[in-house]
């Protein structure tokens, strides 16, 4: 039976039945120092997706993993909310997505000798951020998301 640290949610500890949330948690860890609320929103989305993938927590280690993730969410909610830059979670994730796209994806893409591995990772991160943006904006149709934001997602 696996034990999950409150601090570690990387690819090695994600149960195999929930492997599709590993990229979300990678992005979460990557952006947490810069934007804790965006990281919280990504982690929350990962929890929701994990629950949809295995609602009854029957996969090996899934129940423990989901409980550790839920405890981390409870611990981080208030502190991350206090560090939110924008007025709402939807604006927080949208502004960070736009900023990330401009500063990383577009900048790397414009470089003559762009490092393709770095660019690929930046596109993966942008894709995860866009997926979380859509989830946070559940009440909005994707077509109603700012067209500039929607245009960035090439997935």
N, C-alpha and C. Protein backbone atom coordinates (compact mmCIF):
# COMPACT_ATOMS: atom_id res chain seq x y z
N UNK A 1 0.85 -1.18 0.00
CA UNK A 1 0.00 0.00 0.00
C UNK A 1 0.89 1.24 0.00
N UNK A 2 0.67 2.14 -0.91
CA UNK A 2 1.50 3.34 -1.05
C UNK A 2 1.11 4.40 -0.02
N UNK A 3 2.12 5.13 0.42
CA UNK A 3 1.89 6.26 1.31
C UNK A 3 2.23 7.51 0.51
N UNK A 4 1.37 8.51 0.58
CA UNK A 4 1.57 9.71 -0.21
C UNK A 4 1.85 10.89 0.69
N UNK A 5 2.96 11.54 0.44
CA UNK A 5 3.33 12.74 1.19
C UNK A 5 2.43 13.88 0.78
N UNK A 6 2.18 14.78 1.73
CA UNK A 6 1.38 15.97 1.42
C UNK A 6 2.10 16.85 0.40
N UNK A 7 3.42 16.73 0.32
CA UNK A 7 4.21 17.62 -0.51
C UNK A 7 4.52 17.05 -1.89
N UNK A 8 4.35 15.75 -2.08
CA UNK A 8 4.81 15.15 -3.32
C UNK A 8 3.65 14.53 -4.09
N UNK A 9 3.43 15.02 -5.28
CA UNK A 9 2.47 14.42 -6.20
C UNK A 9 3.11 14.45 -7.58
N UNK A 10 4.08 13.60 -7.80
CA UNK A 10 4.72 13.59 -9.10
C UNK A 10 4.36 12.30 -9.83
N UNK A 11 4.96 12.12 -10.98
CA UNK A 11 4.62 10.98 -11.82
C UNK A 11 4.85 9.64 -11.15
N UNK A 12 5.80 9.57 -10.21
CA UNK A 12 6.10 8.30 -9.58
C UNK A 12 5.03 7.85 -8.60
N UNK A 13 4.28 8.76 -8.01
CA UNK A 13 3.31 8.36 -6.99
C UNK A 13 1.87 8.35 -7.49
N UNK A 14 1.64 8.79 -8.69
CA UNK A 14 0.28 8.77 -9.24
C UNK A 14 -0.06 7.32 -9.58
N UNK A 15 -1.15 6.79 -9.01
CA UNK A 15 -1.54 5.41 -9.34
C UNK A 15 -1.71 5.23 -10.84
N UNK A 16 -1.35 4.07 -11.33
CA UNK A 16 -1.37 3.83 -12.78
C UNK A 16 -2.74 4.05 -13.40
N UNK A 17 -3.81 3.79 -12.65
CA UNK A 17 -5.15 3.99 -13.20
C UNK A 17 -5.49 5.47 -13.35
N UNK A 18 -4.68 6.33 -12.75
CA UNK A 18 -4.91 7.78 -12.83
C UNK A 18 -3.78 8.48 -13.59
N UNK A 19 -3.06 7.74 -14.41
CA UNK A 19 -1.88 8.29 -15.08
C UNK A 19 -2.18 9.54 -15.92
N UNK A 20 -3.40 9.71 -16.36
CA UNK A 20 -3.72 10.88 -17.19
C UNK A 20 -3.71 12.19 -16.40
N UNK A 21 -3.66 12.12 -15.07
CA UNK A 21 -3.58 13.36 -14.30
C UNK A 21 -2.14 13.75 -13.98
N UNK A 22 -1.18 12.88 -14.28
CA UNK A 22 0.23 13.18 -14.00
C UNK A 22 0.69 14.48 -14.67
N UNK A 23 0.34 14.75 -15.94
CA UNK A 23 0.77 16.02 -16.54
C UNK A 23 0.20 17.24 -15.81
N UNK A 24 -1.01 17.11 -15.31
CA UNK A 24 -1.63 18.23 -14.58
C UNK A 24 -0.84 18.50 -13.30
N UNK A 25 -0.46 17.45 -12.61
CA UNK A 25 0.30 17.61 -11.37
C UNK A 25 1.72 18.10 -11.64
N UNK A 26 2.29 17.74 -12.79
CA UNK A 26 3.61 18.26 -13.17
C UNK A 26 3.54 19.77 -13.36
N UNK A 27 2.51 20.22 -14.06
CA UNK A 27 2.32 21.66 -14.28
C UNK A 27 2.08 22.36 -12.95
N UNK A 28 1.29 21.74 -12.08
CA UNK A 28 1.01 22.30 -10.76
C UNK A 28 2.31 22.58 -10.01
N UNK A 29 3.18 21.59 -9.97
CA UNK A 29 4.46 21.75 -9.26
C UNK A 29 5.33 22.82 -9.91
N UNK A 30 5.28 22.90 -11.22
CA UNK A 30 6.09 23.86 -11.97
C UNK A 30 5.68 25.30 -11.67
N UNK A 31 4.39 25.57 -11.58
CA UNK A 31 3.92 26.95 -11.45
C UNK A 31 3.63 27.38 -10.02
N UNK A 32 3.63 26.44 -9.08
CA UNK A 32 3.24 26.77 -7.71
C UNK A 32 4.05 27.91 -7.08
N UNK A 33 5.37 27.96 -7.23
CA UNK A 33 6.10 29.06 -6.61
C UNK A 33 5.68 30.44 -7.14
N UNK A 34 5.35 30.50 -8.42
CA UNK A 34 4.99 31.78 -9.04
C UNK A 34 3.53 32.17 -8.79
N UNK A 35 2.61 31.25 -8.95
CA UNK A 35 1.19 31.55 -8.80
C UNK A 35 0.49 30.44 -8.02
N UNK A 36 0.51 30.52 -6.70
CA UNK A 36 -0.08 29.46 -5.87
C UNK A 36 -1.56 29.20 -6.15
N UNK A 37 -2.32 30.23 -6.48
CA UNK A 37 -3.75 30.00 -6.71
C UNK A 37 -3.98 29.23 -8.01
N UNK A 38 -3.20 29.52 -9.03
CA UNK A 38 -3.32 28.76 -10.28
C UNK A 38 -2.93 27.31 -10.02
N UNK A 39 -1.89 27.09 -9.23
CA UNK A 39 -1.49 25.73 -8.87
C UNK A 39 -2.61 25.03 -8.12
N UNK A 40 -3.26 25.74 -7.20
CA UNK A 40 -4.39 25.17 -6.46
C UNK A 40 -5.50 24.76 -7.43
N UNK A 41 -5.81 25.62 -8.39
CA UNK A 41 -6.87 25.33 -9.36
C UNK A 41 -6.51 24.11 -10.21
N UNK A 42 -5.24 24.00 -10.58
CA UNK A 42 -4.79 22.83 -11.33
C UNK A 42 -4.91 21.57 -10.49
N UNK A 43 -4.51 21.66 -9.24
CA UNK A 43 -4.59 20.51 -8.33
C UNK A 43 -6.06 20.11 -8.11
N UNK A 44 -6.93 21.11 -7.96
CA UNK A 44 -8.36 20.83 -7.78
C UNK A 44 -8.92 20.12 -9.02
N UNK A 45 -8.53 20.60 -10.19
CA UNK A 45 -8.97 19.96 -11.42
C UNK A 45 -8.45 18.52 -11.50
N UNK A 46 -7.20 18.30 -11.08
CA UNK A 46 -6.64 16.94 -11.06
C UNK A 46 -7.45 16.04 -10.14
N UNK A 47 -7.87 16.58 -8.99
CA UNK A 47 -8.69 15.79 -8.07
C UNK A 47 -10.03 15.44 -8.71
N UNK A 48 -10.68 16.43 -9.33
CA UNK A 48 -11.96 16.17 -10.00
C UNK A 48 -11.81 15.10 -11.08
N UNK A 49 -10.75 15.21 -11.86
CA UNK A 49 -10.52 14.26 -12.94
C UNK A 49 -10.23 12.86 -12.37
N UNK A 50 -9.46 12.80 -11.29
CA UNK A 50 -9.17 11.51 -10.63
C UNK A 50 -10.47 10.88 -10.14
N UNK A 51 -11.35 11.69 -9.61
CA UNK A 51 -12.62 11.16 -9.11
C UNK A 51 -13.48 10.65 -10.27
N UNK A 52 -13.49 11.37 -11.39
CA UNK A 52 -14.25 10.90 -12.55
C UNK A 52 -13.67 9.59 -13.10
N UNK A 53 -12.35 9.47 -13.07
CA UNK A 53 -11.71 8.27 -13.61
C UNK A 53 -11.95 7.03 -12.74
N UNK A 54 -12.02 7.23 -11.42
CA UNK A 54 -12.20 6.10 -10.50
C UNK A 54 -13.06 6.57 -9.33
N UNK A 55 -14.37 6.69 -9.57
CA UNK A 55 -15.29 7.23 -8.57
C UNK A 55 -15.33 6.42 -7.29
N UNK A 56 -15.18 5.11 -7.40
CA UNK A 56 -15.27 4.25 -6.22
C UNK A 56 -13.91 3.96 -5.59
N UNK A 57 -12.87 4.56 -6.13
CA UNK A 57 -11.50 4.39 -5.61
C UNK A 57 -11.11 2.93 -5.47
N UNK A 58 -11.37 2.16 -6.54
CA UNK A 58 -11.07 0.73 -6.48
C UNK A 58 -9.68 0.39 -7.00
N UNK A 59 -9.07 1.29 -7.76
CA UNK A 59 -7.72 1.04 -8.27
C UNK A 59 -6.71 1.01 -7.14
N UNK A 60 -5.61 0.32 -7.39
CA UNK A 60 -4.57 0.18 -6.36
C UNK A 60 -4.00 1.55 -5.99
N UNK A 61 -4.12 1.91 -4.72
CA UNK A 61 -3.57 3.15 -4.20
C UNK A 61 -4.40 4.39 -4.48
N UNK A 62 -5.51 4.24 -5.18
CA UNK A 62 -6.31 5.40 -5.57
C UNK A 62 -6.95 6.09 -4.37
N UNK A 63 -7.53 5.34 -3.47
CA UNK A 63 -8.18 5.95 -2.30
C UNK A 63 -7.18 6.78 -1.49
N UNK A 64 -6.01 6.23 -1.23
CA UNK A 64 -5.00 6.94 -0.46
C UNK A 64 -4.51 8.19 -1.20
N UNK A 65 -4.33 8.03 -2.50
CA UNK A 65 -3.88 9.15 -3.31
C UNK A 65 -4.91 10.28 -3.30
N UNK A 66 -6.17 9.93 -3.51
CA UNK A 66 -7.22 10.95 -3.53
C UNK A 66 -7.37 11.62 -2.16
N UNK A 67 -7.23 10.85 -1.09
CA UNK A 67 -7.32 11.44 0.25
C UNK A 67 -6.16 12.42 0.50
N UNK A 68 -4.96 12.03 0.10
CA UNK A 68 -3.80 12.92 0.27
C UNK A 68 -3.98 14.19 -0.56
N UNK A 69 -4.50 14.03 -1.76
CA UNK A 69 -4.73 15.18 -2.63
C UNK A 69 -5.80 16.09 -2.03
N UNK A 70 -6.86 15.51 -1.50
CA UNK A 70 -7.91 16.29 -0.87
C UNK A 70 -7.38 17.04 0.36
N UNK A 71 -6.56 16.38 1.16
CA UNK A 71 -5.96 17.05 2.32
C UNK A 71 -5.09 18.22 1.89
N UNK A 72 -4.35 18.03 0.82
CA UNK A 72 -3.50 19.12 0.32
C UNK A 72 -4.36 20.28 -0.16
N UNK A 73 -5.46 20.00 -0.83
CA UNK A 73 -6.37 21.05 -1.29
C UNK A 73 -6.94 21.82 -0.11
N UNK A 74 -7.36 21.11 0.92
CA UNK A 74 -7.91 21.77 2.11
C UNK A 74 -6.87 22.67 2.77
N UNK A 75 -5.64 22.19 2.82
CA UNK A 75 -4.54 22.94 3.44
C UNK A 75 -4.20 24.20 2.62
N UNK A 76 -4.25 24.10 1.30
CA UNK A 76 -3.79 25.19 0.43
C UNK A 76 -4.87 26.19 0.04
N UNK A 77 -6.14 25.90 0.28
CA UNK A 77 -7.20 26.77 -0.21
C UNK A 77 -7.06 28.21 0.29
N UNK A 78 -7.08 28.41 1.58
CA UNK A 78 -7.03 29.77 2.12
C UNK A 78 -5.73 30.50 1.80
N UNK A 79 -4.56 29.88 2.01
CA UNK A 79 -3.33 30.59 1.68
C UNK A 79 -3.22 30.96 0.20
N UNK A 80 -3.67 30.08 -0.68
CA UNK A 80 -3.59 30.39 -2.12
C UNK A 80 -4.60 31.46 -2.50
N UNK A 81 -5.75 31.45 -1.86
CA UNK A 81 -6.76 32.48 -2.13
C UNK A 81 -6.24 33.85 -1.74
N UNK A 82 -5.52 33.92 -0.64
CA UNK A 82 -4.94 35.19 -0.19
C UNK A 82 -3.89 35.72 -1.17
N UNK A 83 -3.27 34.82 -1.94
CA UNK A 83 -2.23 35.23 -2.90
C UNK A 83 -2.77 35.39 -4.32
N UNK A 84 -4.08 35.26 -4.47
CA UNK A 84 -4.68 35.40 -5.81
C UNK A 84 -4.44 36.81 -6.31
N UNK A 85 -4.03 36.95 -7.55
CA UNK A 85 -3.71 38.23 -8.15
C UNK A 85 -4.96 38.90 -8.73
N UNK A 86 -5.83 38.12 -9.33
CA UNK A 86 -7.03 38.65 -9.98
C UNK A 86 -8.23 38.56 -9.03
N UNK A 87 -9.37 39.12 -9.48
CA UNK A 87 -10.57 39.17 -8.63
C UNK A 87 -11.31 37.85 -8.54
N UNK A 88 -11.12 36.97 -9.50
CA UNK A 88 -11.82 35.68 -9.48
C UNK A 88 -10.87 34.58 -9.94
N UNK A 89 -11.24 33.35 -9.62
CA UNK A 89 -10.42 32.21 -10.06
C UNK A 89 -10.39 32.12 -11.58
N UNK A 90 -11.52 32.40 -12.23
CA UNK A 90 -11.57 32.34 -13.69
C UNK A 90 -10.60 33.34 -14.30
N UNK A 91 -10.59 34.55 -13.78
CA UNK A 91 -9.65 35.56 -14.30
C UNK A 91 -8.21 35.21 -13.96
N UNK A 92 -8.02 34.61 -12.80
CA UNK A 92 -6.67 34.21 -12.37
C UNK A 92 -6.06 33.22 -13.36
N UNK A 93 -6.80 32.18 -13.68
CA UNK A 93 -6.26 31.16 -14.59
C UNK A 93 -6.15 31.71 -16.01
N UNK A 94 -7.11 32.52 -16.43
CA UNK A 94 -7.05 33.08 -17.78
C UNK A 94 -5.85 34.01 -17.94
N UNK A 95 -5.63 34.89 -16.98
CA UNK A 95 -4.50 35.83 -17.10
C UNK A 95 -3.17 35.09 -17.04
N UNK A 96 -3.09 34.06 -16.18
CA UNK A 96 -1.84 33.31 -16.12
C UNK A 96 -1.61 32.54 -17.41
N UNK A 97 -2.65 31.96 -17.97
CA UNK A 97 -2.52 31.24 -19.24
C UNK A 97 -2.00 32.18 -20.32
N UNK A 98 -2.59 33.36 -20.44
CA UNK A 98 -2.15 34.32 -21.45
C UNK A 98 -0.69 34.71 -21.23
N UNK A 99 -0.35 34.98 -19.98
CA UNK A 99 1.02 35.36 -19.63
C UNK A 99 1.98 34.22 -19.98
N UNK A 100 1.64 33.01 -19.61
CA UNK A 100 2.49 31.86 -19.89
C UNK A 100 2.68 31.69 -21.39
N UNK A 101 1.59 31.79 -22.12
CA UNK A 101 1.67 31.60 -23.56
C UNK A 101 2.60 32.63 -24.19
N UNK A 102 2.42 33.89 -23.82
CA UNK A 102 3.25 34.96 -24.38
C UNK A 102 4.72 34.80 -23.99
N UNK A 103 4.98 34.54 -22.72
CA UNK A 103 6.35 34.52 -22.22
C UNK A 103 7.12 33.25 -22.56
N UNK A 104 6.43 32.15 -22.78
CA UNK A 104 7.14 30.89 -23.03
C UNK A 104 6.88 30.34 -24.42
N UNK A 105 5.63 30.07 -24.73
CA UNK A 105 5.33 29.42 -26.01
C UNK A 105 5.66 30.34 -27.17
N UNK A 106 5.11 31.53 -27.18
CA UNK A 106 5.35 32.44 -28.30
C UNK A 106 6.82 32.83 -28.38
N UNK A 107 7.44 33.11 -27.24
CA UNK A 107 8.85 33.50 -27.23
C UNK A 107 9.74 32.38 -27.77
N UNK A 108 9.49 31.14 -27.35
CA UNK A 108 10.28 30.01 -27.85
C UNK A 108 9.99 29.75 -29.32
N UNK A 109 8.75 29.91 -29.72
CA UNK A 109 8.35 29.65 -31.09
C UNK A 109 8.99 30.64 -32.05
N UNK A 110 9.19 31.88 -31.61
CA UNK A 110 9.77 32.92 -32.47
C UNK A 110 11.28 32.79 -32.60
N UNK A 111 11.91 32.11 -31.67
CA UNK A 111 13.36 31.96 -31.72
C UNK A 111 13.80 31.19 -32.95
N UNK A 112 14.87 31.66 -33.58
CA UNK A 112 15.36 30.99 -34.79
C UNK A 112 15.84 29.57 -34.50
N UNK A 113 16.54 29.41 -33.42
CA UNK A 113 17.06 28.10 -33.04
C UNK A 113 16.32 27.58 -31.82
N UNK A 114 15.02 27.66 -31.88
CA UNK A 114 14.20 27.24 -30.73
C UNK A 114 14.52 25.81 -30.33
N UNK A 115 14.68 25.62 -29.05
CA UNK A 115 14.89 24.29 -28.50
C UNK A 115 13.56 23.55 -28.59
N UNK A 116 13.49 22.57 -29.47
CA UNK A 116 12.22 21.88 -29.73
C UNK A 116 11.71 21.15 -28.49
N UNK A 117 12.60 20.64 -27.66
CA UNK A 117 12.15 19.96 -26.43
C UNK A 117 11.51 20.96 -25.48
N UNK A 118 12.15 22.12 -25.35
CA UNK A 118 11.59 23.17 -24.48
C UNK A 118 10.26 23.65 -25.03
N UNK A 119 10.18 23.83 -26.33
CA UNK A 119 8.95 24.29 -26.96
C UNK A 119 7.84 23.25 -26.78
N UNK A 120 8.18 21.98 -26.93
CA UNK A 120 7.19 20.92 -26.72
C UNK A 120 6.66 20.91 -25.30
N UNK A 121 7.55 21.08 -24.34
CA UNK A 121 7.14 21.13 -22.93
C UNK A 121 6.25 22.35 -22.68
N UNK A 122 6.62 23.49 -23.28
CA UNK A 122 5.82 24.71 -23.11
C UNK A 122 4.42 24.51 -23.69
N UNK A 123 4.32 23.85 -24.84
CA UNK A 123 3.00 23.58 -25.43
C UNK A 123 2.19 22.62 -24.55
N UNK A 124 2.85 21.62 -23.97
CA UNK A 124 2.14 20.70 -23.07
C UNK A 124 1.61 21.45 -21.85
N UNK A 125 2.45 22.32 -21.28
CA UNK A 125 2.03 23.10 -20.12
C UNK A 125 0.87 24.01 -20.49
N UNK A 126 0.97 24.68 -21.64
CA UNK A 126 -0.11 25.55 -22.09
C UNK A 126 -1.39 24.75 -22.30
N UNK A 127 -1.27 23.54 -22.83
CA UNK A 127 -2.45 22.69 -23.03
C UNK A 127 -3.13 22.33 -21.72
N UNK A 128 -2.33 22.01 -20.70
CA UNK A 128 -2.89 21.70 -19.37
C UNK A 128 -3.56 22.94 -18.80
N UNK A 129 -2.90 24.08 -18.90
CA UNK A 129 -3.49 25.32 -18.38
C UNK A 129 -4.81 25.64 -19.08
N UNK A 130 -4.87 25.39 -20.39
CA UNK A 130 -6.11 25.65 -21.12
C UNK A 130 -7.21 24.68 -20.68
N UNK A 131 -6.84 23.44 -20.43
CA UNK A 131 -7.81 22.44 -19.95
C UNK A 131 -8.39 22.87 -18.60
N UNK A 132 -7.53 23.36 -17.72
CA UNK A 132 -7.98 23.84 -16.40
C UNK A 132 -8.82 25.10 -16.58
N UNK A 133 -8.40 25.98 -17.47
CA UNK A 133 -9.17 27.20 -17.76
C UNK A 133 -10.59 26.84 -18.17
N UNK A 134 -10.73 25.88 -19.07
CA UNK A 134 -12.07 25.45 -19.50
C UNK A 134 -12.87 24.89 -18.34
N UNK A 135 -12.22 24.13 -17.47
CA UNK A 135 -12.93 23.54 -16.32
C UNK A 135 -13.37 24.62 -15.34
N UNK A 136 -12.53 25.61 -15.10
CA UNK A 136 -12.88 26.69 -14.18
C UNK A 136 -14.02 27.52 -14.75
N UNK A 137 -14.04 27.65 -16.06
CA UNK A 137 -15.09 28.41 -16.74
C UNK A 137 -16.22 27.50 -17.20
N UNK A 138 -16.62 26.56 -16.35
CA UNK A 138 -17.67 25.60 -16.72
C UNK A 138 -18.94 26.28 -17.21
N UNK A 139 -19.26 27.41 -16.65
CA UNK A 139 -20.50 28.09 -17.01
C UNK A 139 -20.40 28.79 -18.36
N UNK A 140 -19.18 28.96 -18.84
CA UNK A 140 -19.00 29.58 -20.15
C UNK A 140 -18.75 28.48 -21.17
N UNK A 141 -19.27 28.67 -22.35
CA UNK A 141 -18.92 27.76 -23.43
C UNK A 141 -17.51 28.12 -23.86
N UNK A 142 -16.79 27.15 -24.39
CA UNK A 142 -15.42 27.41 -24.82
C UNK A 142 -15.40 28.53 -25.86
N UNK A 143 -16.44 28.59 -26.69
CA UNK A 143 -16.50 29.63 -27.71
C UNK A 143 -16.60 31.03 -27.09
N UNK A 144 -17.07 31.10 -25.83
CA UNK A 144 -17.23 32.39 -25.18
C UNK A 144 -15.97 32.83 -24.45
N UNK A 145 -15.00 31.93 -24.33
CA UNK A 145 -13.72 32.30 -23.74
C UNK A 145 -13.07 33.27 -24.71
N UNK A 146 -12.38 34.24 -24.19
CA UNK A 146 -11.69 35.24 -25.00
C UNK A 146 -11.06 34.57 -26.23
N UNK A 147 -11.39 35.02 -27.45
CA UNK A 147 -10.87 34.39 -28.66
C UNK A 147 -9.34 34.35 -28.69
N UNK A 148 -8.70 35.34 -28.13
CA UNK A 148 -7.23 35.36 -28.07
C UNK A 148 -6.73 34.18 -27.25
N UNK A 149 -7.41 33.87 -26.16
CA UNK A 149 -7.04 32.74 -25.31
C UNK A 149 -7.28 31.44 -26.06
N UNK A 150 -8.45 31.31 -26.66
CA UNK A 150 -8.83 30.08 -27.36
C UNK A 150 -7.87 29.81 -28.52
N UNK A 151 -7.44 30.84 -29.20
CA UNK A 151 -6.57 30.68 -30.35
C UNK A 151 -5.22 30.08 -29.97
N UNK A 152 -4.80 30.30 -28.74
CA UNK A 152 -3.50 29.80 -28.31
C UNK A 152 -3.47 28.29 -28.17
N UNK A 153 -4.59 27.68 -27.88
CA UNK A 153 -4.60 26.24 -27.62
C UNK A 153 -4.62 25.49 -28.95
N UNK A 154 -3.57 24.78 -29.21
CA UNK A 154 -3.47 24.06 -30.48
C UNK A 154 -3.84 22.60 -30.35
N UNK A 155 -4.33 22.21 -29.18
CA UNK A 155 -4.62 20.79 -28.96
C UNK A 155 -5.92 20.38 -29.58
